[in-house]
C-alpha atoms as a PDB file:
ATOM      1  CA  MET A   1       0.000   0.000   0.000  1.00  0.00           C
ATOM      2  CA  SER A   2       0.997   3.653  -0.383  1.00  0.00           C
ATOM      3  CA  VAL A   3       3.415   4.742   2.350  1.00  0.00           C
ATOM      4  CA  TYR A   4       1.386   7.925   2.878  1.00  0.00           C
ATOM      5  CA  LEU A   5      -1.922   6.077   3.152  1.00  0.00           C
ATOM      6  CA  THR A   6      -0.438   3.277   5.234  1.00  0.00           C
ATOM      7  CA  GLU A   7       0.936   5.731   7.782  1.00  0.00           C
ATOM      8  CA  LEU A   8      -2.367   7.609   7.873  1.00  0.00           C
ATOM      9  CA  THR A   9      -4.349   4.406   8.366  1.00  0.00           C
ATOM     10  CA  ILE A  10      -2.056   3.326  11.213  1.00  0.00           C
ATOM     11  CA  ARG A  11      -2.339   6.736  12.900  1.00  0.00           C
ATOM     12  CA  LEU A  12      -6.126   6.712  12.679  1.00  0.00           C
ATOM     13  CA  ALA A  13      -6.398   3.097  13.824  1.00  0.00           C
ATOM     14  CA  HIS A  14      -4.223   3.917  16.836  1.00  0.00           C
ATOM     15  CA  GLY A  15      -6.446   6.875  17.727  1.00  0.00           C
ATOM     16  CA  VAL A  16      -9.662   4.898  17.257  1.00  0.00           C
ATOM     17  CA  GLY A  17      -8.246   2.248  19.570  1.00  0.00           C
ATOM     18  CA  LEU A  18      -8.089   4.890  22.310  1.00  0.00           C
ATOM     19  CA  LEU A  19     -11.818   5.611  22.075  1.00  0.00           C
ATOM     20  CA  PRO A  20     -14.251   3.879  24.463  1.00  0.00           C
ATOM     21  CA  GLU A  21     -15.427   0.428  23.374  1.00  0.00           C
ATOM     22  CA  THR A  22     -19.038   1.591  23.330  1.00  0.00           C
ATOM     23  CA  SER A  23     -18.150   4.363  20.878  1.00  0.00           C
ATOM     24  CA  ARG A  24     -16.181   2.036  18.600  1.00  0.00           C
ATOM     25  CA  GLN A  25     -19.020  -0.500  18.554  1.00  0.00           C
ATOM     26  CA  MET A  26     -21.610   2.170  17.841  1.00  0.00           C
ATOM     27  CA  HIS A  27     -19.709   3.381  14.789  1.00  0.00           C
ATOM     28  CA  THR A  28     -18.877  -0.145  13.641  1.00  0.00           C
ATOM     29  CA  ASP A  29     -22.601  -0.932  13.646  1.00  0.00           C
ATOM     30  CA  TYR A  30     -23.317   2.230  11.679  1.00  0.00           C
ATOM     31  CA  PHE A  31     -20.911   1.409   8.865  1.00  0.00           C
ATOM     32  CA  ALA A  32     -21.673  -2.330   8.847  1.00  0.00           C
ATOM     33  CA  ASN A  33     -25.437  -1.820   8.763  1.00  0.00           C
ATOM     34  CA  SER A  34     -25.098   0.674   5.908  1.00  0.00           C
ATOM     35  CA  GLN A  35     -23.667  -1.970   3.537  1.00  0.00           C
ATOM     36  CA  ASN A  36     -25.985  -2.821   0.649  1.00  0.00           C
ATOM     37  CA  ASP A  37     -26.872  -6.304  -0.567  1.00  0.00           C
ATOM     38  CA  ASP A  38     -24.447  -5.945  -3.500  1.00  0.00           C
ATOM     39  CA  GLY A  39     -21.538  -5.428  -1.094  1.00  0.00           C
ATOM     40  CA  GLY A  40     -21.107  -1.706  -1.693  1.00  0.00           C
ATOM     41  CA  TRP A  41     -22.230   1.446   0.061  1.00  0.00           C
ATOM     42  CA  SER A  42     -24.381   4.354  -1.116  1.00  0.00           C
ATOM     43  CA  GLY A  43     -24.372   8.043  -0.439  1.00  0.00           C
ATOM     44  CA  ARG A  44     -27.473   9.610   1.025  1.00  0.00           C
ATOM     45  CA  GLU A  45     -29.534   8.100  -1.761  1.00  0.00           C
ATOM     46  CA  GLY A  46     -29.150   5.915  -4.816  1.00  0.00           C
ATOM     47  CA  ALA A  47     -27.237   2.753  -5.568  1.00  0.00           C
ATOM     48  CA  SER A  48     -23.843   1.626  -4.299  1.00  0.00           C
ATOM     49  CA  ASP A  49     -20.864   3.466  -5.748  1.00  0.00           C
ATOM     50  CA  LEU A  50     -17.103   3.325  -5.443  1.00  0.00           C
ATOM     51  CA  TYR A  51     -16.712   6.703  -3.790  1.00  0.00           C
ATOM     52  CA  TYR A  52     -18.843   5.959  -0.730  1.00  0.00           C
ATOM     53  CA  THR A  53     -17.743   2.334  -0.607  1.00  0.00           C
ATOM     54  CA  GLY A  54     -14.168   3.564  -0.269  1.00  0.00           C
ATOM     55  CA  PHE A  55     -15.028   5.699   2.754  1.00  0.00           C
ATOM     56  CA  ALA A  56     -16.951   2.887   4.456  1.00  0.00           C
ATOM     57  CA  LEU A  57     -14.040   0.486   3.993  1.00  0.00           C
ATOM     58  CA  ARG A  58     -11.580   3.068   5.305  1.00  0.00           C
ATOM     59  CA  ALA A  59     -13.725   3.459   8.428  1.00  0.00           C
ATOM     60  CA  LEU A  60     -14.111  -0.272   8.991  1.00  0.00           C
ATOM     61  CA  SER A  61     -10.374  -0.707   8.476  1.00  0.00           C
ATOM     62  CA  ILE A  62      -9.376   1.766  11.202  1.00  0.00           C
ATOM     63  CA  LEU A  63     -12.045   0.234  13.455  1.00  0.00           C
ATOM     64  CA  GLY A  64     -10.399  -3.159  12.948  1.00  0.00           C
ATOM     65  CA  GLU A  65     -13.632  -4.589  11.527  1.00  0.00           C
ATOM     66  CA  LEU A  66     -12.776  -5.198   7.872  1.00  0.00           C
ATOM     67  CA  TYR A  67     -12.831  -8.983   7.562  1.00  0.00           C
ATOM     68  CA  GLY A  68     -15.093 -12.010   7.033  1.00  0.00           C
ATOM     69  CA  ASP A  69     -18.336 -11.956   5.062  1.00  0.00           C
ATOM     70  CA  ARG A  70     -18.446  -8.161   5.105  1.00  0.00           C
ATOM     71  CA  ALA A  71     -15.064  -7.969   3.352  1.00  0.00           C
ATOM     72  CA  GLU A  72     -15.878 -10.786   0.911  1.00  0.00           C
ATOM     73  CA  SER A  73     -19.084  -9.046  -0.108  1.00  0.00           C
ATOM     74  CA  ALA A  74     -17.243  -5.739  -0.605  1.00  0.00           C
ATOM     75  CA  ALA A  75     -14.613  -7.496  -2.736  1.00  0.00           C
ATOM     76  CA  LYS A  76     -17.338  -8.898  -4.971  1.00  0.00           C
ATOM     77  CA  PHE A  77     -18.684  -5.384  -5.487  1.00  0.00           C
ATOM     78  CA  LEU A  78     -15.234  -4.039  -6.347  1.00  0.00           C
ATOM     79  CA  ARG A  79     -14.540  -6.836  -8.841  1.00  0.00           C
ATOM     80  CA  GLY A  80     -17.748  -5.901 -10.620  1.00  0.00           C
ATOM     81  CA  LYS A  81     -16.295  -2.425 -11.208  1.00  0.00           C
ATOM     82  CA  LEU A  82     -12.950  -3.481 -12.686  1.00  0.00           C
ATOM     83  CA  ALA A  83     -14.107  -3.263 -16.296  1.00  0.00           C
ATOM     84  CA  GLY A  84     -15.901   0.069 -15.903  1.00  0.00           C
ATOM     85  CA  GLN A  85     -14.847   3.508 -17.100  1.00  0.00           C
ATOM     86  CA  GLU A  86     -14.486   5.344 -13.807  1.00  0.00           C
ATOM     87  CA  SER A  87     -13.551   8.917 -12.930  1.00  0.00           C
ATOM     88  CA  ILE A  88     -10.178   9.475 -11.307  1.00  0.00           C
ATOM     89  CA  VAL A  89     -11.908   9.962  -7.933  1.00  0.00           C
ATOM     90  CA  ASP A  90     -13.765   6.661  -8.269  1.00  0.00           C
ATOM     91  CA  PHE A  91     -10.714   4.928  -9.654  1.00  0.00           C
ATOM     92  CA  PHE A  92      -8.681   6.033  -6.665  1.00  0.00           C
ATOM     93  CA  SER A  93     -11.472   4.734  -4.410  1.00  0.00           C
ATOM     94  CA  LEU A  94     -11.339   1.391  -6.220  1.00  0.00           C
ATOM     95  CA  ILE A  95      -7.581   0.957  -5.917  1.00  0.00           C
ATOM     96  CA  TYR A  96      -7.427   2.127  -2.308  1.00  0.00           C
ATOM     97  CA  ALA A  97     -10.406   0.000  -1.274  1.00  0.00           C
ATOM     98  CA  ALA A  98      -8.833  -3.041  -2.915  1.00  0.00           C
ATOM     99  CA  GLN A  99      -5.558  -2.420  -1.085  1.00  0.00           C
ATOM    100  CA  LEU A 100      -7.406  -2.131   2.238  1.00  0.00           C
ATOM    101  CA  LEU A 101      -9.115  -5.466   1.624  1.00  0.00           C
ATOM    102  CA  ASN A 102      -5.780  -7.049   0.774  1.00  0.00           C
ATOM    103  CA  VAL A 103      -4.099  -5.748   3.934  1.00  0.00           C
ATOM    104  CA  SER A 104      -7.026  -6.174   6.333  1.00  0.00           C
ATOM    105  CA  ALA A 105      -8.666  -9.357   5.042  1.00  0.00           C
ATOM    106  CA  GLY A 106      -6.112 -10.980   2.741  1.00  0.00           C
ATOM    107  CA  ILE A 107      -8.393 -10.597  -0.291  1.00  0.00           C
ATOM    108  CA  ASP A 108      -6.688  -9.766  -3.613  1.00  0.00           C
ATOM    109  CA  VAL A 109      -9.290  -8.062  -5.787  1.00  0.00           C
ATOM    110  CA  PHE A 110      -6.770  -7.766  -8.652  1.00  0.00           C
ATOM    111  CA  ALA A 111      -5.560 -11.390  -8.588  1.00  0.00           C
ATOM    112  CA  ASP A 112      -6.988 -12.314 -11.992  1.00  0.00           C
ATOM    113  CA  LEU A 113      -5.887  -9.203 -13.873  1.00  0.00           C
ATOM    114  CA  ASP A 114      -3.178  -9.107 -16.524  1.00  0.00           C
ATOM    115  CA  PRO A 115       0.242  -8.512 -14.876  1.00  0.00           C
ATOM    116  CA  ALA A 116       0.628  -5.374 -17.001  1.00  0.00           C
ATOM    117  CA  TRP A 117      -2.480  -3.726 -15.576  1.00  0.00           C
ATOM    118  CA  ARG A 118      -0.565  -1.451 -13.207  1.00  0.00           C
ATOM    119  CA  GLN A 119       1.498   0.116 -15.971  1.00  0.00           C
ATOM    120  CA  ASN A 120      -1.553   0.339 -18.217  1.00  0.00           C
ATOM    121  CA  VAL A 121      -3.354   2.280 -15.501  1.00  0.00           C
ATOM    122  CA  ALA A 122      -0.364   4.582 -15.009  1.00  0.00           C
ATOM    123  CA  ASP A 123      -0.273   5.251 -18.763  1.00  0.00           C
ATOM    124  CA  LYS A 124      -3.946   6.130 -18.682  1.00  0.00           C
ATOM    125  CA  LEU A 125      -3.431   8.501 -15.772  1.00  0.00           C
ATOM    126  CA  GLY A 126      -0.672  10.138 -17.785  1.00  0.00           C
ATOM    127  CA  ILE A 127      -3.262  11.255 -20.333  1.00  0.00           C
ATOM    128  CA  LEU A 128      -4.654  13.551 -17.639  1.00  0.00           C
ATOM    129  CA  ARG A 129      -1.336  15.459 -17.493  1.00  0.00           C
ATOM    130  CA  ARG A 130      -1.537  19.048 -18.716  1.00  0.00           C
ATOM    131  CA  ASP A 131       1.073  21.529 -19.926  1.00  0.00           C
ATOM    132  CA  ASP A 132       1.290  23.232 -16.521  1.00  0.00           C
ATOM    133  CA  GLY A 133       2.496  19.993 -14.926  1.00  0.00           C
ATOM    134  CA  GLY A 134      -0.707  19.176 -13.041  1.00  0.00           C
ATOM    135  CA  PHE A 135      -3.494  16.723 -13.798  1.00  0.00           C
ATOM    136  CA  ALA A 136      -7.036  17.419 -14.959  1.00  0.00           C
ATOM    137  CA  LYS A 137     -10.234  15.919 -13.536  1.00  0.00           C
ATOM    138  CA  THR A 138     -11.281  14.344 -16.825  1.00  0.00           C
ATOM    139  CA  PHE A 139      -9.631  13.320 -20.074  1.00  0.00           C
ATOM    140  CA  GLU A 140     -11.544  16.116 -21.827  1.00  0.00           C
ATOM    141  CA  GLY A 141     -10.757  18.764 -19.197  1.00  0.00           C
ATOM    142  CA  HIS A 142      -8.312  21.539 -20.016  1.00  0.00           C
ATOM    143  CA  ALA A 143      -7.594  22.843 -16.508  1.00  0.00           C
ATOM    144  CA  SER A 144      -5.414  21.092 -13.956  1.00  0.00           C
ATOM    145  CA  SER A 145      -6.825  20.488 -10.481  1.00  0.00           C
ATOM    146  CA  THR A 146      -4.861  20.627  -7.236  1.00  0.00           C
ATOM    147  CA  TYR A 147      -6.940  17.870  -5.654  1.00  0.00           C
ATOM    148  CA  GLN A 148      -6.897  15.618  -8.720  1.00  0.00           C
ATOM    149  CA  THR A 149      -3.119  15.993  -8.920  1.00  0.00           C
ATOM    150  CA  PHE A 150      -2.915  14.756  -5.331  1.00  0.00           C
ATOM    151  CA  LEU A 151      -5.128  11.773  -6.184  1.00  0.00           C
ATOM    152  CA  VAL A 152      -2.956  10.868  -9.166  1.00  0.00           C
ATOM    153  CA  LEU A 153       0.139  10.935  -6.947  1.00  0.00           C
ATOM    154  CA  LEU A 154      -1.575   8.631  -4.474  1.00  0.00           C
ATOM    155  CA  CYS A 155      -2.724   6.300  -7.252  1.00  0.00           C
ATOM    156  CA  LEU A 156       0.803   6.053  -8.632  1.00  0.00           C
ATOM    157  CA  GLU A 157       2.152   5.331  -5.148  1.00  0.00           C
ATOM    158  CA  LEU A 158      -0.485   2.632  -4.650  1.00  0.00           C
ATOM    159  CA  LEU A 159       0.469   1.142  -8.021  1.00  0.00           C
ATOM    160  CA  GLN A 160       4.178   1.400  -7.156  1.00  0.00           C
ATOM    161  CA  ILE A 161       4.807   3.377 -10.355  1.00  0.00           C
ATOM    162  CA  PRO A 162       7.401   6.225 -10.258  1.00  0.00           C
ATOM    163  CA  VAL A 163       6.141   9.764 -10.817  1.00  0.00           C
ATOM    164  CA  THR A 164       7.191  11.220 -14.167  1.00  0.00           C
ATOM    165  CA  GLU A 165       8.792  14.689 -14.071  1.00  0.00           C
ATOM    166  CA  PRO A 166       7.997  15.445 -10.415  1.00  0.00           C
ATOM    167  CA  ALA A 167       9.612  18.894 -10.676  1.00  0.00           C
ATOM    168  CA  ARG A 168       6.827  19.961 -13.041  1.00  0.00           C
ATOM    169  CA  ILE A 169       4.223  18.960 -10.454  1.00  0.00           C
ATOM    170  CA  VAL A 170       6.038  20.941  -7.764  1.00  0.00           C
ATOM    171  CA  ALA A 171       6.108  24.001 -10.055  1.00  0.00           C
ATOM    172  CA  PHE A 172       2.384  23.565 -10.739  1.00  0.00           C
ATOM    173  CA  LEU A 173       1.582  23.421  -7.032  1.00  0.00           C
ATOM    174  CA  ARG A 174       3.680  26.487  -6.255  1.00  0.00           C
ATOM    175  CA  GLU A 175       1.748  28.413  -8.902  1.00  0.00           C
ATOM    176  CA  ARG A 176      -1.439  27.558  -7.019  1.00  0.00           C
ATOM    177  CA  CYS A 177      -0.285  29.360  -3.859  1.00  0.00           C
ATOM    178  CA  ALA A 178      -2.749  32.136  -3.046  1.00  0.00           C
ATOM    179  CA  SER A 179      -1.613  35.600  -1.960  1.00  0.00           C
ATOM    180  CA  GLU A 180      -3.440  35.259   1.368  1.00  0.00           C
ATOM    181  CA  GLY A 181      -1.865  31.874   2.031  1.00  0.00           C
ATOM    182  CA  GLY A 182      -3.280  28.463   1.242  1.00  0.00           C
ATOM    183  CA  PHE A 183      -3.765  26.995  -2.221  1.00  0.00           C
ATOM    184  CA  LEU A 184      -6.272  27.372  -5.029  1.00  0.00           C
ATOM    185  CA  GLU A 185      -8.084  24.372  -6.485  1.00  0.00           C
ATOM    186  CA  ILE A 186      -8.072  25.738 -10.042  1.00  0.00           C
ATOM    187  CA  LYS A 187      -6.046  28.484 -11.684  1.00  0.00           C
ATOM    188  CA  VAL A 188      -8.989  30.866 -12.075  1.00  0.00           C
ATOM    189  CA  GLY A 189     -10.091  30.380  -8.457  1.00  0.00           C
ATOM    190  CA  LYS A 190     -10.611  33.552  -6.447  1.00  0.00           C
ATOM    191  CA  ARG A 191      -9.807  32.276  -2.965  1.00  0.00           C
ATOM    192  CA  ALA A 192      -7.846  29.497  -1.344  1.00  0.00           C
ATOM    193  CA  GLY A 193      -9.649  26.538   0.174  1.00  0.00           C
ATOM    194  CA  VAL A 194      -8.840  24.335   3.153  1.00  0.00           C
ATOM    195  CA  ASN A 195      -9.189  21.091   1.206  1.00  0.00           C
ATOM    196  CA  PRO A 196      -7.038  22.000  -1.830  1.00  0.00           C
ATOM    197  CA  THR A 197      -4.511  23.398   0.652  1.00  0.00           C
ATOM    198  CA  ALA A 198      -4.377  20.074   2.489  1.00  0.00           C
ATOM    199  CA  ALA A 199      -4.027  18.271  -0.853  1.00  0.00           C
ATOM    200  CA  ALA A 200      -1.215  20.569  -1.976  1.00  0.00           C
ATOM    201  CA  ILE A 201       0.733  20.193   1.271  1.00  0.00           C
ATOM    202  CA  ALA A 202       0.390  16.411   1.198  1.00  0.00           C
ATOM    203  CA  SER A 203       1.527  16.404  -2.438  1.00  0.00           C
ATOM    204  CA  LEU A 204       4.574  18.524  -1.677  1.00  0.00           C
ATOM    205  CA  LYS A 205       5.429  16.176   1.194  1.00  0.00           C
ATOM    206  CA  LEU A 206       5.116  13.179  -1.116  1.00  0.00           C
ATOM    207  CA  LEU A 207       7.491  14.904  -3.537  1.00  0.00           C
ATOM    208  CA  ASP A 208       9.875  15.986  -0.757  1.00  0.00           C
ATOM    209  CA  ALA A 209       9.442  19.620  -1.774  1.00  0.00           C
ATOM    210  CA  LEU A 210       7.883  21.282   1.261  1.00  0.00           C
ATOM    211  CA  ASP A 211       9.781  24.416   2.301  1.00  0.00           C
ATOM    212  CA  ALA A 212       9.693  26.595   5.421  1.00  0.00           C
ATOM    213  CA  GLU A 213       7.975  29.577   3.780  1.00  0.00           C
ATOM    214  CA  THR A 214       5.136  27.430   2.452  1.00  0.00           C
ATOM    215  CA  ILE A 215       4.689  25.862   5.880  1.00  0.00           C
ATOM    216  CA  GLU A 216       4.482  29.290   7.551  1.00  0.00           C
ATOM    217  CA  THR A 217       1.933  30.767   5.140  1.00  0.00           C
ATOM    218  CA  THR A 218      -0.137  27.569   5.162  1.00  0.00           C
ATOM    219  CA  VAL A 219      -0.286  27.435   8.945  1.00  0.00           C
ATOM    220  CA  ASP A 220      -1.437  31.067   9.074  1.00  0.00           C
ATOM    221  CA  PHE A 221      -4.149  30.356   6.497  1.00  0.00           C
ATOM    222  CA  LEU A 222      -5.436  27.246   8.252  1.00  0.00           C
ATOM    223  CA  VAL A 223      -5.394  28.794  11.721  1.00  0.00           C
ATOM    224  CA  ASN A 224      -7.506  31.669  10.417  1.00  0.00           C
ATOM    225  CA  SER A 225      -9.955  29.166   8.882  1.00  0.00           C
ATOM    226  CA  GLN A 226     -11.136  27.860  12.261  1.00  0.00           C
ATOM    227  CA  SER A 227     -14.640  29.153  12.941  1.00  0.00           C
ATOM    228  CA  ASP A 228     -16.179  30.375  16.174  1.00  0.00           C
ATOM    229  CA  GLU A 229     -17.995  27.031  16.496  1.00  0.00           C
ATOM    230  CA  GLY A 230     -14.653  25.208  16.615  1.00  0.00           C
ATOM    231  CA  GLY A 231     -14.595  23.459  13.257  1.00  0.00           C
ATOM    232  CA  PHE A 232     -13.016  24.607  10.017  1.00  0.00           C
ATOM    233  CA  CYS A 233     -14.731  26.265   7.068  1.00  0.00           C
ATOM    234  CA  ALA A 234     -13.995  25.217   3.488  1.00  0.00           C
ATOM    235  CA  ASN A 235     -13.009  28.788   2.542  1.00  0.00           C
ATOM    236  CA  THR A 236     -13.495  32.380   3.633  1.00  0.00           C
ATOM    237  CA  ARG A 237     -16.719  32.703   1.662  1.00  0.00           C
ATOM    238  CA  ILE A 238     -18.435  29.863   3.548  1.00  0.00           C
ATOM    239  CA  PRO A 239     -19.374  30.934   7.097  1.00  0.00           C
ATOM    240  CA  VAL A 240     -20.072  27.470   8.548  1.00  0.00           C
ATOM    241  CA  ALA A 241     -17.728  24.630   9.407  1.00  0.00           C
ATOM    242  CA  ASP A 242     -17.926  21.058   8.134  1.00  0.00           C
ATOM    243  CA  LEU A 243     -16.289  17.760   9.071  1.00  0.00           C
ATOM    244  CA  LEU A 244     -14.394  17.290   5.805  1.00  0.00           C
ATOM    245  CA  SER A 245     -12.598  20.627   6.147  1.00  0.00           C
ATOM    246  CA  THR A 246     -12.121  20.069   9.875  1.00  0.00           C
ATOM    247  CA  PHE A 247     -10.465  16.677   9.339  1.00  0.00           C
ATOM    248  CA  THR A 248      -8.149  17.821   6.549  1.00  0.00           C
ATOM    249  CA  ALA A 249      -7.167  21.010   8.416  1.00  0.00           C
ATOM    250  CA  LEU A 250      -6.487  19.141  11.664  1.00  0.00           C
ATOM    251  CA  LEU A 251      -4.452  16.460   9.892  1.00  0.00           C
ATOM    252  CA  THR A 252      -2.403  19.050   7.994  1.00  0.00           C
ATOM    253  CA  LEU A 253      -1.698  21.142  11.087  1.00  0.00           C
ATOM    254  CA  ILE A 254      -0.567  18.030  12.960  1.00  0.00           C
ATOM    255  CA  ASP A 255       1.747  17.143  10.079  1.00  0.00           C
ATOM    256  CA  LEU A 256       3.120  20.696  10.053  1.00  0.00           C
ATOM    257  CA  GLN A 257       3.639  20.548  13.834  1.00  0.00           C
ATOM    258  CA  ALA A 258       1.404  23.562  14.368  1.00  0.00           C
ATOM    259  CA  VAL A 259      -1.658  22.053  16.025  1.00  0.00           C
ATOM    260  CA  ASP A 260      -0.889  24.024  19.198  1.00  0.00           C
ATOM    261  CA  GLN A 261      -1.931  27.184  17.340  1.00  0.00           C
ATOM    262  CA  ILE A 262      -5.629  26.237  17.169  1.00  0.00           C
ATOM    263  CA  GLY A 263      -8.325  25.687  19.759  1.00  0.00           C
ATOM    264  CA  LEU A 264      -8.455  21.921  20.231  1.00  0.00           C
ATOM    265  CA  GLY A 265     -11.143  22.131  22.901  1.00  0.00           C
ATOM    266  CA  PRO A 266     -13.660  23.962  20.679  1.00  0.00           C
ATOM    267  CA  LEU A 267     -12.754  21.642  17.791  1.00  0.00           C
ATOM    268  CA  ALA A 268     -13.452  18.536  19.895  1.00  0.00           C
ATOM    269  CA  LYS A 269     -16.768  19.979  21.049  1.00  0.00           C
ATOM    270  CA  PHE A 270     -17.714  20.769  17.442  1.00  0.00           C
ATOM    271  CA  VAL A 271     -17.057  17.174  16.415  1.00  0.00           C
ATOM    272  CA  GLY A 272     -18.872  15.848  19.474  1.00  0.00           C
ATOM    273  CA  ARG A 273     -22.000  17.842  18.668  1.00  0.00           C
ATOM    274  CA  LEU A 274     -22.152  16.188  15.248  1.00  0.00           C
ATOM    275  CA  GLU A 275     -21.860  12.620  16.541  1.00  0.00           C
ATOM    276  CA  ARG A 276     -25.118  10.684  16.237  1.00  0.00           C
ATOM    277  CA  SER A 277     -26.378   8.570  19.133  1.00  0.00           C
ATOM    278  CA  LYS A 278     -26.882   5.684  16.696  1.00  0.00           C
ATOM    279  CA  GLY A 279     -23.416   5.965  15.168  1.00  0.00           C
ATOM    280  CA  GLY A 280     -22.069   8.030  12.322  1.00  0.00           C
ATOM    281  CA  PHE A 281     -21.854  11.818  12.112  1.00  0.00           C
ATOM    282  CA  HIS A 282     -23.726  14.713  10.609  1.00  0.00           C
ATOM    283  CA  ALA A 283     -21.757  16.668   7.993  1.00  0.00           C
ATOM    284  CA  GLY A 284     -21.951  19.960   9.870  1.00  0.00           C
ATOM    285  CA  SER A 285     -24.182  22.063  12.074  1.00  0.00           C
ATOM    286  CA  PHE A 286     -25.875  23.302   8.894  1.00  0.00           C
ATOM    287  CA  ASP A 287     -26.582  19.807   7.590  1.00  0.00           C
ATOM    288  CA  PRO A 288     -28.691  17.379   9.675  1.00  0.00           C
ATOM    289  CA  ALA A 289     -28.210  14.520   7.180  1.00  0.00           C
ATOM    290  CA  HIS A 290     -25.491  11.885   7.495  1.00  0.00           C
ATOM    291  CA  ASP A 291     -23.557   9.512   5.248  1.00  0.00           C
ATOM    292  CA  VAL A 292     -20.528   7.229   5.370  1.00  0.00           C
ATOM    293  CA  GLU A 293     -18.192   9.883   3.927  1.00  0.00           C
ATOM    294  CA  TYR A 294     -18.718  12.514   6.615  1.00  0.00           C
ATOM    295  CA  SER A 295     -18.997   9.803   9.236  1.00  0.00           C
ATOM    296  CA  PHE A 296     -15.488   8.690   8.294  1.00  0.00           C
ATOM    297  CA  TYR A 297     -14.268  12.277   8.672  1.00  0.00           C
ATOM    298  CA  GLY A 298     -15.948  12.565  12.071  1.00  0.00           C
ATOM    299  CA  LEU A 299     -14.402   9.307  13.256  1.00  0.00           C
ATOM    300  CA  GLY A 300     -11.069  10.443  11.828  1.00  0.00           C
ATOM    301  CA  CYS A 301     -11.249  13.697  13.783  1.00  0.00           C
ATOM    302  CA  GLN A 302     -11.946  11.805  16.992  1.00  0.00           C
ATOM    303  CA  ALA A 303      -9.031   9.473  16.277  1.00  0.00           C
ATOM    304  CA  LEU A 304      -6.606  12.345  15.679  1.00  0.00           C
ATOM    305  CA  LEU A 305      -7.777  14.170  18.802  1.00  0.00           C
ATOM    306  CA  ALA A 306      -7.484  11.032  20.914  1.00  0.00           C
ATOM    307  CA  GLY A 307      -3.951  10.525  19.627  1.00  0.00           C
ATOM    308  CA  LEU A 308      -3.009  14.082  20.509  1.00  0.00           C
ATOM    309  CA  GLU A 309      -4.480  13.808  23.978  1.00  0.00           C
ATOM    310  CA  ALA A 310      -2.661  10.544  24.634  1.00  0.00           C
ATOM    311  CA  ALA A 311       0.627  11.954  23.374  1.00  0.00           C
ATOM    312  CA  ASP A 312       0.828  15.076  25.525  1.00  0.00           C
ATOM    313  CA  HIS A 313      -2.120  14.763  27.924  1.00  0.00           C
ATOM    314  CA  THR A 314      -3.457  18.101  26.735  1.00  0.00           C
ATOM    315  CA  PRO A 315      -7.179  18.447  27.535  1.00  0.00           C
ATOM    316  CA  THR A 316      -9.181  18.823  24.319  1.00  0.00           C
ATOM    317  CA  GLY A 317     -12.618  19.290  25.802  1.00  0.00           C
ATOM    318  CA  GLY A 318     -13.458  15.611  25.340  1.00  0.00           C
ATOM    319  CA  VAL A 319     -13.190  13.677  22.107  1.00  0.00           C
ATOM    320  CA  ASN A 320     -16.287  11.544  22.555  1.00  0.00           C
END
């Protein structure tokens, strides 16, 4: 598996292991009971898809519950998607989910594929490369995307395929730095966002190209993105916090060794307010609905907070 994703999975699993047994069981039941008859998971409506299945498997993996019939059923769903024409986001979900099943349950979803499939996939990803060094969202798209570039890097690492011309990707990412700090998702974007910023920082780390100035401006941007309710907002135009932005901001600040610059207590209380009594999490205070994606982010936030509290015994206002 990808070194980056392996380390992240281990960190989250360690943090989840520090949560009370009742909490772990409650969330395990939520994700397990959300599995469809075809082995996959849905969003808030509709049929099973790779994107949400990937998040459910990530959650079950860090909970230590990805094995047995549940894993076999998920593998069957993934195998049914191998011949499809998927987006890069879904394709990443497919590869990552398959790797999780291999590591957690010993199931090789790709066992029957041609040995050349990894290189064939890498060649196909290469078609998404644009003149600025980044990668587009679709084969027809003209503009490179910060987040999609990050996903391509992760896919290549999962496939164990070297990155071609990494210096061009670094140059592309540096061009996406916003004047106020943080990173833009697309070139014509007007303001930096928390999630493309997290993707850019992770990409620069993967490419061993993260410098002190970028760290300083990124930390300032992320610290200023924490809302009065404790969570993080996607960008300065959105006045409410959400769990996706909160998870990616918290993870990035931990990686940049700057988590002491935010209010961990208010953040923990924000996450706690969104936890459902029947397992899973709401997306944000503005959104009463729930799904496996945001529930993974909520569980991930609790895991990171529990790890921080265990490491330095700093009160965080409760992570449960």
